[in-house]
Protein backbone atom coordinates (compact mmCIF):
# COMPACT_ATOMS: atom_id res chain seq x y z
CA MET A 1 -21.95 -11.72 31.78
CA PHE A 2 -23.33 -13.17 35.00
CA ILE A 3 -22.28 -12.97 38.64
CA ASN A 4 -22.83 -15.81 41.14
CA PHE A 5 -20.88 -18.53 39.32
CA TRP A 6 -17.41 -20.05 39.70
CA TYR A 7 -14.94 -18.77 37.08
CA VAL A 8 -11.44 -20.03 36.33
CA ALA A 9 -9.03 -17.21 37.06
CA ALA A 10 -5.81 -19.03 36.18
CA LYS A 11 -4.03 -22.34 36.08
CA SER A 12 -2.87 -23.35 39.54
CA GLY A 13 0.77 -23.11 38.48
CA GLU A 14 0.31 -19.47 37.47
CA VAL A 15 -0.31 -18.37 41.08
CA ILE A 16 3.20 -18.86 42.39
CA PHE A 17 3.96 -19.51 46.06
CA GLY A 18 6.59 -17.09 47.32
CA ALA A 19 6.09 -14.58 44.50
CA ASP A 20 6.89 -10.93 45.18
CA ARG A 21 3.76 -9.60 43.50
CA PRO A 22 0.21 -10.84 43.00
CA LEU A 23 -1.14 -12.18 39.74
CA LYS A 24 -3.40 -9.68 37.99
CA VAL A 25 -6.41 -11.25 36.28
CA GLN A 26 -9.34 -9.71 34.43
CA MET A 27 -12.75 -11.38 34.63
CA LEU A 28 -16.26 -10.06 33.97
CA GLY A 29 -14.76 -6.72 32.96
CA HIS A 30 -13.02 -6.26 36.35
CA HIS A 31 -9.49 -6.78 37.61
CA PHE A 32 -8.52 -8.97 40.56
CA ALA A 33 -5.39 -9.64 42.62
CA LEU A 34 -4.49 -13.29 43.31
CA TRP A 35 -1.68 -14.61 45.49
CA ARG A 36 -0.79 -17.49 47.80
CA ASN A 37 -0.53 -16.86 51.50
CA ARG A 38 2.17 -18.42 53.65
CA LYS A 39 0.18 -21.67 53.83
CA GLY A 40 0.04 -21.83 50.04
CA VAL A 41 -3.70 -21.06 49.90
CA VAL A 42 -4.80 -18.86 47.00
CA GLN A 43 -6.41 -15.54 47.94
CA CYS A 44 -8.43 -13.30 45.62
CA ILE A 45 -9.52 -9.72 46.21
CA SER A 46 -10.81 -6.87 44.09
CA ASP A 47 -7.91 -5.04 42.43
CA THR A 48 -9.00 -1.47 43.21
CA CYS A 49 -7.77 0.04 46.46
CA SER A 50 -10.51 1.74 48.47
CA HIS A 51 -8.26 4.76 49.07
CA ARG A 52 -7.47 6.43 45.75
CA GLY A 53 -7.93 3.68 43.19
CA GLY A 54 -4.49 2.09 43.26
CA ALA A 55 -4.11 -1.28 41.51
CA LEU A 56 -3.47 -3.79 44.30
CA ALA A 57 -2.28 -6.47 41.89
CA ASP A 58 0.58 -4.14 40.95
CA GLY A 59 1.70 -3.95 44.57
CA ARG A 60 3.81 -6.22 46.77
CA ILE A 61 2.99 -9.34 48.71
CA ARG A 62 3.73 -8.74 52.39
CA GLY A 63 3.41 -12.01 54.29
CA ASP A 64 -0.21 -13.06 53.90
CA CYS A 65 -1.26 -9.64 52.60
CA VAL A 66 -1.00 -7.36 49.59
CA GLU A 67 0.34 -3.82 49.80
CA CYS A 68 -0.99 -1.11 47.49
CA PRO A 69 1.82 0.40 45.40
CA TYR A 70 0.35 3.92 45.73
CA HIS A 71 0.17 4.65 49.48
CA GLY A 72 1.02 1.34 51.11
CA TRP A 73 -2.45 0.43 52.33
CA THR A 74 -2.27 -3.29 53.08
CA PHE A 75 -5.09 -5.81 52.70
CA ASP A 76 -5.43 -9.37 53.93
CA GLY A 77 -7.08 -12.26 52.09
CA ALA A 78 -10.45 -11.39 53.61
CA GLY A 79 -10.28 -7.92 52.08
CA ASN A 80 -9.67 -6.11 55.37
CA CYS A 81 -7.27 -3.19 55.47
CA VAL A 82 -4.74 -4.15 58.13
CA ARG A 83 -2.27 -1.30 57.69
CA LEU A 84 -2.90 2.33 56.81
CA PRO A 85 0.57 3.91 57.00
CA SER A 86 -0.42 7.58 56.96
CA LEU A 87 -2.33 7.12 60.24
CA GLY A 88 0.81 5.85 61.95
CA PRO A 89 1.39 2.62 63.90
CA ASN A 90 -1.42 0.99 65.91
CA ALA A 91 -4.03 3.13 64.16
CA SER A 92 -7.72 2.29 64.37
CA ILE A 93 -8.64 1.45 60.79
CA PRO A 94 -12.27 2.08 59.72
CA GLY A 95 -14.10 -1.03 58.45
CA ARG A 96 -15.30 0.87 55.40
CA THR A 97 -11.77 0.64 53.98
CA ARG A 98 -12.34 -3.06 53.19
CA VAL A 99 -12.34 -4.38 49.62
CA ASP A 100 -14.21 -7.37 48.23
CA SER A 101 -12.71 -10.83 48.80
CA TYR A 102 -13.87 -13.90 46.89
CA PRO A 103 -14.09 -17.63 47.70
CA VAL A 104 -11.47 -19.75 45.93
CA GLN A 105 -11.24 -23.46 45.12
CA GLU A 106 -8.38 -25.26 43.37
CA LYS A 107 -9.73 -28.12 41.30
CA TYR A 108 -8.67 -29.89 38.09
CA GLY A 109 -5.44 -27.87 38.12
CA PHE A 110 -7.30 -24.55 37.92
CA VAL A 111 -7.98 -21.72 40.36
CA HIS A 112 -11.75 -21.25 40.51
CA VAL A 113 -13.07 -17.99 41.99
CA PHE A 114 -16.68 -17.44 43.00
CA LEU A 115 -17.64 -14.04 41.65
CA GLY A 116 -20.83 -13.11 43.43
CA ASP A 117 -22.46 -12.54 46.78
CA LEU A 118 -24.39 -15.79 47.35
CA PRO A 119 -23.82 -17.58 50.66
CA GLU A 120 -22.02 -20.92 50.39
CA ALA A 121 -25.16 -23.07 50.62
CA GLU A 122 -26.74 -21.33 47.63
CA ARG A 123 -23.79 -21.31 45.22
CA PRO A 124 -23.91 -23.34 42.01
CA PRO A 125 -21.27 -26.09 42.07
CA ILE A 126 -18.20 -26.24 39.87
CA ILE A 127 -18.90 -28.53 36.93
CA ASP A 128 -18.20 -32.16 37.80
CA ILE A 129 -15.65 -34.18 35.82
CA PRO A 130 -16.47 -37.73 36.95
CA GLU A 131 -13.63 -39.32 34.94
CA TYR A 132 -10.94 -37.03 36.34
CA ASP A 133 -9.70 -39.40 39.07
CA ASP A 134 -10.39 -42.57 37.08
CA PRO A 135 -7.09 -44.33 36.16
CA ALA A 136 -8.77 -45.56 32.97
CA TRP A 137 -8.77 -41.96 31.73
CA ARG A 138 -6.02 -39.45 30.93
CA PHE A 139 -6.52 -35.67 30.74
CA ILE A 140 -4.60 -32.80 29.21
CA GLN A 141 -5.11 -29.05 29.63
CA LEU A 142 -5.57 -26.46 26.91
CA SER A 143 -6.03 -22.70 27.17
CA LEU A 144 -7.19 -20.25 24.51
CA GLU A 145 -8.26 -16.62 24.22
CA TRP A 146 -10.70 -15.50 21.54
CA LYS A 147 -12.22 -12.15 20.62
CA ILE A 148 -15.83 -13.27 20.98
CA ASP A 149 -18.83 -13.14 23.26
CA TYR A 150 -18.33 -16.27 25.37
CA LYS A 151 -21.98 -17.23 24.89
CA ARG A 152 -21.29 -17.64 21.17
CA ALA A 153 -18.74 -20.34 22.04
CA ILE A 154 -21.11 -22.05 24.47
CA GLU A 155 -23.81 -22.21 21.82
CA ASN A 156 -21.31 -23.43 19.22
CA THR A 157 -20.46 -26.40 21.44
CA MET A 158 -24.14 -27.35 21.72
CA ASP A 159 -24.80 -26.94 17.99
CA PRO A 160 -24.92 -30.32 16.18
CA GLY A 161 -25.57 -28.64 12.83
CA HIS A 162 -22.22 -26.89 12.54
CA ASN A 163 -19.94 -29.94 12.71
CA GLU A 164 -20.61 -30.98 9.11
CA PHE A 165 -19.39 -27.66 7.72
CA THR A 166 -16.99 -26.22 10.30
CA HIS A 167 -15.02 -29.35 11.21
CA PRO A 168 -13.75 -31.65 8.42
CA THR A 169 -12.58 -33.89 11.28
CA HIS A 170 -16.24 -34.41 12.23
CA GLY A 171 -18.13 -34.22 8.95
CA PHE A 172 -17.95 -34.17 5.15
CA LEU A 173 -18.22 -30.43 4.33
CA GLY A 174 -21.78 -30.89 3.11
CA VAL A 175 -20.94 -32.97 0.02
CA LYS A 176 -23.28 -35.82 0.97
CA GLU A 177 -26.72 -35.13 -0.49
CA ASP A 178 -28.50 -37.13 2.21
CA TYR A 179 -27.00 -35.08 5.07
CA ARG A 180 -29.34 -34.04 7.85
CA VAL A 181 -29.19 -33.58 11.61
CA GLU A 182 -30.84 -36.54 13.26
CA ASP A 183 -33.49 -35.67 15.84
CA PHE A 184 -32.41 -35.71 19.47
CA GLU A 185 -33.92 -35.22 22.91
CA LEU A 186 -32.79 -32.75 25.54
CA SER A 187 -32.00 -33.75 29.10
CA ASP A 188 -32.26 -30.90 31.63
CA ALA A 189 -30.34 -30.62 34.89
CA ALA A 190 -30.30 -28.01 37.65
CA TRP A 191 -27.72 -25.81 35.94
CA GLY A 192 -28.02 -26.66 32.27
CA THR A 193 -29.24 -28.86 29.48
CA GLY A 194 -27.66 -31.29 27.03
CA PHE A 195 -28.20 -33.99 24.46
CA PHE A 196 -26.75 -37.08 22.80
CA ALA A 197 -27.09 -37.73 19.07
CA ASN A 198 -25.75 -40.04 16.38
CA MET A 199 -23.61 -38.30 13.78
CA ARG A 200 -21.90 -39.72 10.72
CA ALA A 201 -18.17 -38.97 10.71
CA PRO A 202 -15.14 -39.78 8.59
CA THR A 203 -12.17 -41.90 9.54
CA LEU A 204 -10.02 -40.32 12.24
CA ALA A 205 -7.12 -38.50 10.62
CA GLN A 206 -4.49 -39.77 13.08
CA ARG A 207 -3.56 -43.37 12.23
CA ASP A 208 -2.79 -44.51 15.78
CA MET A 209 -6.00 -42.94 17.05
CA ASN A 210 -8.05 -44.54 14.31
CA GLU A 211 -6.53 -47.99 14.87
CA ALA A 212 -7.03 -47.79 18.62
CA ALA A 213 -10.66 -46.82 18.08
CA GLY A 214 -11.17 -49.77 15.74
CA ARG A 215 -12.73 -47.64 13.02
CA THR A 216 -12.73 -48.55 9.35
CA GLY A 217 -14.07 -46.00 6.92
CA ASP A 218 -16.96 -43.64 7.55
CA GLN A 219 -19.08 -44.62 10.55
CA TRP A 220 -21.63 -43.32 12.99
CA THR A 221 -20.33 -41.75 16.19
CA ARG A 222 -22.21 -41.13 19.41
CA ASN A 223 -21.75 -37.51 20.45
CA GLY A 224 -23.17 -35.41 23.26
CA ALA A 225 -22.87 -31.86 24.52
CA GLY A 226 -24.39 -29.58 27.11
CA ASN A 227 -23.87 -26.63 29.43
CA HIS A 228 -23.34 -26.10 33.13
CA GLY A 229 -24.16 -22.54 34.08
CA PRO A 230 -23.82 -19.79 31.48
CA HIS A 231 -20.11 -20.42 30.90
CA CYS A 232 -19.15 -24.12 31.06
CA THR A 233 -19.73 -26.99 28.64
CA TRP A 234 -19.21 -30.72 28.46
CA THR A 235 -18.63 -32.64 25.23
CA HIS A 236 -18.62 -36.42 24.73
CA ILE A 237 -17.28 -37.84 21.48
CA HIS A 238 -17.42 -41.64 21.13
CA PRO A 239 -15.82 -42.71 17.82
CA SER A 240 -16.48 -46.34 18.82
CA ASP A 241 -17.59 -48.42 21.78
CA ARG A 242 -14.02 -48.73 23.04
CA ALA A 243 -12.74 -45.21 22.30
CA GLN A 244 -14.17 -42.18 24.03
CA MET A 245 -13.08 -38.53 24.29
CA HIS A 246 -14.64 -36.18 26.85
CA GLY A 247 -14.00 -32.45 26.96
CA TYR A 248 -14.89 -29.90 29.63
CA ALA A 249 -14.55 -26.20 28.79
CA PHE A 250 -14.46 -23.43 31.39
CA HIS A 251 -15.17 -20.08 29.73
CA THR A 252 -14.06 -16.97 31.61
CA PRO A 253 -15.41 -13.76 30.06
CA VAL A 254 -12.54 -11.29 30.27
CA THR A 255 -14.94 -8.68 28.94
CA GLU A 256 -18.19 -9.01 27.04
CA LYS A 257 -16.15 -9.42 23.83
CA VAL A 258 -13.12 -11.43 24.97
CA ASP A 259 -13.36 -15.07 26.04
CA ARG A 260 -10.56 -16.91 27.86
CA ILE A 261 -11.15 -20.65 27.62
CA TYR A 262 -9.67 -23.38 29.80
CA VAL A 263 -10.20 -26.95 28.61
CA MET A 264 -9.80 -30.35 30.22
CA PHE A 265 -9.65 -32.91 27.43
CA GLY A 266 -9.82 -36.56 28.44
CA ARG A 267 -9.55 -39.92 26.68
CA ASN A 268 -9.90 -43.57 27.65
CA PHE A 269 -7.55 -44.95 24.97
CA LEU A 270 -3.94 -44.36 23.95
CA LEU A 271 -3.22 -43.49 27.58
CA GLU A 272 0.57 -43.30 27.24
CA SER A 273 1.98 -39.80 27.76
CA LYS A 274 3.61 -39.91 24.32
CA TYR A 275 0.14 -39.42 22.82
CA ASP A 276 -0.60 -36.23 24.77
CA GLN A 277 0.82 -34.08 21.99
CA THR A 278 -1.28 -35.93 19.40
CA PHE A 279 -4.46 -35.15 21.29
CA GLU A 280 -3.36 -31.58 22.02
CA ASN A 281 -2.71 -30.99 18.32
CA ARG A 282 -6.13 -32.39 17.47
CA GLY A 283 -7.80 -30.23 20.11
CA VAL A 284 -6.10 -27.02 18.97
CA PHE A 285 -6.82 -27.83 15.31
CA ILE A 286 -10.53 -28.28 16.00
CA ALA A 287 -10.62 -25.18 18.21
CA GLU A 288 -9.07 -23.06 15.48
CA GLN A 289 -11.77 -24.22 13.07
CA ALA A 290 -14.36 -22.96 15.56
CA ARG A 291 -12.56 -19.67 16.11
CA TYR A 292 -12.45 -19.10 12.34
CA VAL A 293 -16.25 -18.93 12.18
CA LEU A 294 -16.96 -17.43 15.62
CA GLU A 295 -14.78 -14.32 15.62
CA PRO A 296 -16.40 -12.78 12.49
CA LEU A 297 -19.99 -13.40 13.70
CA HIS A 298 -22.28 -10.37 13.49
CA PRO A 299 -23.50 -8.98 15.76
CA LYS A 300 -20.57 -9.54 18.09
CA LEU A 301 -22.87 -10.16 21.05
CA THR A 302 -25.56 -12.81 21.14
CA PRO A 303 -28.90 -11.22 20.16
CA PRO A 304 -31.19 -10.55 23.14
CA ALA A 305 -34.16 -12.18 21.38
CA ASN A 306 -34.47 -15.34 19.29
CA GLN A 307 -36.60 -13.45 16.78
CA HIS A 308 -33.44 -11.83 15.46
CA GLU A 309 -32.14 -15.22 14.35
CA PHE A 310 -34.03 -17.94 12.43
CA LEU A 311 -33.67 -21.01 14.62
CA VAL A 312 -34.37 -24.54 13.36
CA PRO A 313 -34.94 -27.87 15.21
CA ALA A 314 -31.18 -28.54 15.31
CA ASP A 315 -30.88 -25.38 17.43
CA LYS A 316 -33.19 -26.51 20.23
CA CYS A 317 -30.34 -27.06 22.69
CA ILE A 318 -29.21 -23.48 22.05
CA ALA A 319 -32.74 -22.19 22.56
CA ARG A 320 -32.96 -24.08 25.85
CA TYR A 321 -29.60 -22.67 26.98
CA ARG A 322 -30.94 -19.18 26.35
CA GLU A 323 -33.94 -19.98 28.54
CA TYR A 324 -31.59 -20.90 31.37
CA CYS A 325 -29.77 -17.59 30.91
CA GLN A 326 -33.09 -15.76 31.08
CA GLU A 327 -33.83 -17.51 34.36
CA TRP A 328 -30.47 -16.37 35.81
CA GLU A 329 -31.28 -12.88 34.63
CA ARG A 330 -34.65 -13.06 36.36
CA ARG A 331 -32.67 -13.71 39.54
CA GLY A 332 -30.84 -10.42 38.94
CA TRP A 333 -27.46 -11.96 38.13
CA ARG A 334 -26.67 -10.40 34.72
CA ILE A 335 -24.24 -7.48 34.62
CA ASP A 336 -25.59 -4.33 32.97
CA VAL A 337 -22.74 -4.00 30.50
CA LYS A 338 -24.10 -0.84 28.86
CA ARG A 339 -24.03 1.05 32.14
CA LEU A 340 -20.68 -0.48 33.10
CA ARG A 341 -19.15 0.79 29.87
CA ALA A 342 -20.83 4.20 30.13
CA ASP A 343 -19.33 4.72 33.60
CA GLU A 344 -15.93 3.10 33.14
CA ASP A 345 -13.97 6.38 33.13
CA THR A 346 -15.71 7.84 36.16
CA VAL A 347 -16.77 4.96 38.43
CA ALA A 348 -14.76 2.00 39.76
CA TYR A 349 -17.26 -0.80 40.35
CA ALA A 350 -16.63 -4.10 42.09
CA ILE A 351 -18.18 -7.52 41.68
CA PRO A 352 -20.15 -7.91 44.95
CA SER A 353 -18.69 -10.52 47.29
CA PRO A 354 -20.42 -12.58 50.00
CA SER A 355 -19.14 -10.11 52.61
CA ARG A 356 -21.52 -7.48 51.28
CA ARG A 357 -24.36 -9.39 52.91
CA ALA A 358 -22.66 -9.13 56.30
CA HIS A 359 -21.17 -5.64 56.13
CA LYS A 360 -22.68 -2.34 55.09
CA GLY A 361 -20.83 0.69 53.80
CA TRP A 362 -18.47 0.02 50.91
CA VAL A 363 -16.32 2.55 49.09
CA LEU A 364 -16.66 0.85 45.70
CA PRO A 365 -20.26 0.43 44.51
CA ALA A 366 -21.37 -3.01 43.35
CA VAL A 367 -21.39 -3.53 39.61
CA PRO A 368 -24.75 -2.52 38.09
CA LEU A 369 -27.00 -5.48 37.32
CA ALA A 370 -29.68 -5.64 34.65
CA PRO A 371 -33.21 -5.30 36.02
CA ALA A 372 -34.66 -8.74 36.69
CA GLY A 373 -36.54 -10.04 33.66
CA GLU A 374 -35.19 -7.46 31.18
CA ALA A 375 -34.21 -10.13 28.62
CA VAL A 376 -37.70 -11.64 28.76
CA ALA A 377 -39.26 -8.23 28.16
CA VAL A 378 -36.97 -7.63 25.17
CA ALA A 379 -37.84 -11.03 23.72
CA LYS A 380 -41.57 -10.40 24.04
CA LYS A 381 -41.26 -6.94 22.52
CA ALA A 382 -39.31 -8.28 19.53
């Protein structure tokens, strides 16, 4: 799990204006409190009170602030303690009482939270969905939660070799003797890689969808996939020149072994709302096929070195993704999960926020990060 990226905390509609209590969300192994202030703007702070460990998300919303349910300490959206009842009214409140507060953006119907300490100018962007505001496209939302390492799902999306056997909607279950993965080239960007490749696929199962796409029998499709950061993917499926489906998946690691997935699934055909359920059913059906093979994978976590898996040319996009992850680790962005788990009953850590660069002296220590370059050293040793 990596800090310094934007993660989807919730759907926008789940953070309710005028609610009595915040929304409690777990991301990167930590809990957070989210609420809307009186202007309707979403706020996000670390869940652990700096006093005695109270869960702020279990407290009350007081105006623009959140009140701890244990001793009434009250925090604003910037993480500052603005009321410390036991000191009496008009008390001088020490700055060290502050908790971490995180930047928030609402986009694509989701609440995105930046979990890290980078200043604004250095932050990776939220993945772009260029078709989102195009009236020639229609999008639906899906959300899922799987018991997997989120990186397994990212790599599955960028794996052209699995479609033939995992998804009968995409392939022929390996019955064609001339099956092979056609060669493809990678195209790198600042925050990820991707590819496009031709794949042979059967007729679309849904009659209306197949007719609208103009497909007859088994044909080639033009498919593409790639990553943006360690946790987001894009997928382009073009059954024909006139029918295209584009998916964007936002993976939020709840813990290192639980993945909450938010999906924007778009299409440029059958745009009437009556077809939304058809495309949702197709999306869930395909997702369940992926979950069926991903949840039993062993080991549960992605191996730290490629030598522990036998990779083939069809896996080159996955190998490149792992190189990106190694680069983000070299920057010191990967959470040291082993230490986090070893200390979980004795230490309350916090994901470091941008305020940590401006203020010194925090009650909660920043989450331990893996030493820069550790993954590279493991790979070389293996």
